Protein backbone atom coordinates (compact mmCIF):
# COMPACT_ATOMS: atom_id res chain seq x y z
CA UNK A 1 -30.37 -50.14 17.57
CA UNK A 2 -29.13 -52.10 14.25
CA UNK A 3 -28.22 -50.62 10.98
CA UNK A 4 -30.94 -49.23 9.01
CA UNK A 5 -32.21 -50.83 5.64
CA UNK A 6 -32.65 -48.43 2.66
CA UNK A 7 -36.17 -49.71 2.54
CA UNK A 8 -37.11 -48.10 5.89
CA UNK A 9 -37.11 -44.71 4.40
CA UNK A 10 -35.75 -42.70 1.81
CA UNK A 11 -32.21 -42.42 0.77
CA UNK A 12 -30.48 -38.78 1.26
CA UNK A 13 -27.11 -37.35 1.55
CA UNK A 14 -27.40 -38.01 5.40
CA UNK A 15 -28.03 -41.97 5.02
CA UNK A 16 -25.56 -42.31 2.44
CA UNK A 17 -23.13 -40.54 4.94
CA UNK A 18 -24.31 -42.72 8.00
CA UNK A 19 -24.44 -45.95 5.84
CA UNK A 20 -20.81 -45.13 4.47
CA UNK A 21 -19.31 -44.64 7.75
CA UNK A 22 -20.98 -47.83 9.27
CA UNK A 23 -23.02 -45.78 12.09
CA UNK A 24 -26.04 -47.42 13.40
CA UNK A 25 -29.11 -45.42 12.94
CA UNK A 26 -32.85 -46.05 12.39
CA UNK A 27 -34.87 -44.24 9.68
CA UNK A 28 -38.42 -42.79 10.82
CA UNK A 29 -40.67 -41.43 8.01
CA UNK A 30 -44.04 -39.72 8.95
CA UNK A 31 -46.48 -37.75 7.06
CA UNK A 32 -45.39 -34.25 6.99
CA UNK A 33 -48.09 -31.56 6.84
CA UNK A 34 -47.27 -28.51 4.90
CA UNK A 35 -49.49 -26.34 7.24
CA UNK A 36 -47.26 -27.45 10.33
CA UNK A 37 -45.99 -24.44 11.96
CA UNK A 38 -43.14 -26.22 13.73
CA UNK A 39 -41.26 -28.79 11.56
CA UNK A 40 -39.56 -30.47 14.96
CA UNK A 41 -42.84 -30.17 16.99
CA UNK A 42 -44.54 -31.84 14.06
CA UNK A 43 -41.96 -34.79 14.01
CA UNK A 44 -41.93 -35.29 17.72
CA UNK A 45 -45.71 -35.88 17.78
CA UNK A 46 -46.02 -37.85 14.37
CA UNK A 47 -43.19 -40.16 15.95
CA UNK A 48 -44.65 -40.16 19.58
CA UNK A 49 -41.37 -38.81 21.15
CA UNK A 50 -41.01 -36.19 23.65
CA UNK A 51 -39.96 -33.14 21.96
CA UNK A 52 -36.67 -32.64 24.13
CA UNK A 53 -35.08 -35.76 22.01
CA UNK A 54 -35.98 -34.30 18.75
CA UNK A 55 -33.23 -31.83 17.55
CA UNK A 56 -33.39 -28.88 14.95
CA UNK A 57 -30.31 -28.07 12.59
CA UNK A 58 -30.00 -24.25 12.41
CA UNK A 59 -27.48 -22.41 10.36
CA UNK A 60 -25.74 -19.04 11.83
CA UNK A 61 -23.54 -16.68 10.17
CA UNK A 62 -20.27 -15.81 12.22
CA UNK A 63 -19.38 -12.67 9.89
CA UNK A 64 -16.65 -15.06 8.44
CA UNK A 65 -18.93 -17.86 7.23
CA UNK A 66 -21.58 -20.47 8.49
CA UNK A 67 -21.84 -22.74 11.38
CA UNK A 68 -24.29 -25.31 12.45
CA UNK A 69 -26.09 -25.19 15.61
CA UNK A 70 -28.16 -28.25 16.92
CA UNK A 71 -30.61 -27.94 19.75
CA UNK A 72 -34.05 -29.53 20.98
CA UNK A 73 -37.27 -28.30 19.13
CA UNK A 74 -39.07 -27.52 22.12
CA UNK A 75 -36.17 -24.64 22.91
CA UNK A 76 -34.57 -21.73 20.89
CA UNK A 77 -30.86 -21.31 20.08
CA UNK A 78 -29.04 -18.90 22.26
CA UNK A 79 -27.24 -16.81 19.85
CA UNK A 80 -24.75 -15.61 22.41
CA UNK A 81 -24.02 -19.04 23.47
CA UNK A 82 -23.66 -19.98 20.20
CA UNK A 83 -21.00 -17.53 19.36
CA UNK A 84 -19.02 -18.06 22.59
CA UNK A 85 -19.05 -21.88 21.62
CA UNK A 86 -17.42 -20.54 18.20
CA UNK A 87 -15.38 -18.29 19.74
CA UNK A 88 -16.45 -15.32 17.91
CA UNK A 89 -17.89 -11.89 18.55
CA UNK A 90 -21.35 -12.75 17.42
CA UNK A 91 -23.83 -14.93 15.14
CA UNK A 92 -26.84 -14.21 13.39
CA UNK A 93 -29.39 -16.82 11.83
CA UNK A 94 -28.44 -17.51 8.42
CA UNK A 95 -30.37 -16.37 5.38
CA UNK A 96 -32.86 -18.99 4.09
CA UNK A 97 -31.17 -19.05 0.78
CA UNK A 98 -27.66 -19.23 2.31
CA UNK A 99 -28.66 -22.16 4.45
CA UNK A 100 -30.16 -24.25 1.97
CA UNK A 101 -27.23 -23.67 -0.77
CA UNK A 102 -24.66 -24.39 1.88
CA UNK A 103 -26.32 -27.63 3.28
CA UNK A 104 -27.80 -29.04 0.29
CA UNK A 105 -31.14 -29.46 2.16
CA UNK A 106 -34.71 -27.59 2.30
CA UNK A 107 -35.51 -25.60 5.33
CA UNK A 108 -37.51 -28.05 7.68
CA UNK A 109 -35.36 -30.97 6.02
CA UNK A 110 -31.66 -29.83 6.81
CA UNK A 111 -29.98 -32.50 8.29
CA UNK A 112 -26.64 -32.05 10.40
CA UNK A 113 -25.11 -34.91 8.87
CA UNK A 114 -24.35 -35.08 4.88
CA UNK A 115 -24.19 -31.36 4.33
CA UNK A 116 -22.55 -30.16 1.13
CA UNK A 117 -19.75 -28.29 3.03
CA UNK A 118 -18.37 -29.57 6.26
CA UNK A 119 -19.27 -26.53 8.83
CA UNK A 120 -18.26 -25.94 12.23
CA UNK A 121 -20.89 -27.54 14.30
CA UNK A 122 -21.98 -27.28 18.03
CA UNK A 123 -24.35 -30.03 19.49
CA UNK A 124 -26.46 -28.94 22.42
CA UNK A 125 -25.25 -30.85 25.82
CA UNK A 126 -28.68 -31.72 26.36
CA UNK A 127 -28.59 -34.22 23.87
CA UNK A 128 -26.29 -36.43 25.72
CA UNK A 129 -29.08 -36.90 28.50
CA UNK A 130 -30.71 -39.21 25.79
CA UNK A 131 -29.14 -42.90 24.75
CA UNK A 132 -30.56 -41.79 21.13
CA UNK A 133 -31.65 -38.33 19.65
CA UNK A 134 -33.73 -37.57 16.59
CA UNK A 135 -32.39 -35.20 13.82
CA UNK A 136 -33.74 -34.55 10.34
CA UNK A 137 -32.88 -37.19 7.91
CA UNK A 138 -32.51 -34.48 5.02
CA UNK A 139 -36.33 -34.21 4.05
CA UNK A 140 -39.43 -32.71 5.51
CA UNK A 141 -41.23 -35.91 6.98
CA UNK A 142 -38.15 -37.93 7.84
CA UNK A 143 -35.96 -37.99 10.68
CA UNK A 144 -33.04 -40.08 11.76
CA UNK A 145 -32.58 -41.70 15.17
CA UNK A 146 -28.91 -42.16 16.41
CA UNK A 147 -26.68 -41.72 19.37
CA UNK A 148 -25.57 -38.09 20.19
CA UNK A 149 -22.08 -39.48 20.40
CA UNK A 150 -22.28 -40.88 16.90
CA UNK A 151 -23.78 -37.59 15.82
CA UNK A 152 -20.89 -35.69 17.02
CA UNK A 153 -18.46 -37.75 15.76
CA UNK A 154 -20.14 -37.81 12.44
CA UNK A 155 -20.28 -33.72 11.97
CA UNK A 156 -16.97 -33.25 14.20
CA UNK A 157 -19.24 -31.36 16.58
CA UNK A 158 -18.50 -29.28 19.52
CA UNK A 159 -20.42 -30.10 22.51
CA UNK A 160 -21.80 -26.69 24.34
CA UNK A 161 -24.89 -25.49 26.18
CA UNK A 162 -26.45 -23.54 23.28
CA UNK A 163 -30.09 -24.13 23.76
CA UNK A 164 -32.43 -22.06 25.84
CA UNK A 165 -36.28 -22.66 26.85
CA UNK A 166 -38.66 -21.03 24.57
């Protein structure tokens, strides 16, 4: 996987951050269908990738602030496991407006990379079963492919089992 070129897709805070850090990644743009019921499953189908390799970025409220959970699109975030990984009593899903304001991205296009604020982040350990994974590139219809280790490094993520089957 070589360094991505700006012409390969849009420039977003995520791609700017990865380019600045010299992290190798691949840009994948696809035609987003506004009627899609699941942004992540839409991405997997459009890119021809198994859903277990495509990860969604979810923001949670810990009661003391927001945090980021990154799980496969074919599963769900286990809120109890997320709370345990963050060493807090409980978490709830963040309100849409809070997630968008904090991250700087719109729902369905929230990237774990290049967010406005650095938040505690947990990456589901199933990501490490693949050489590369796909996450939102910061826009609907745009994913970036990178190694889970590089994603962990760039987001200063903790590795934990936070996903569960749907």
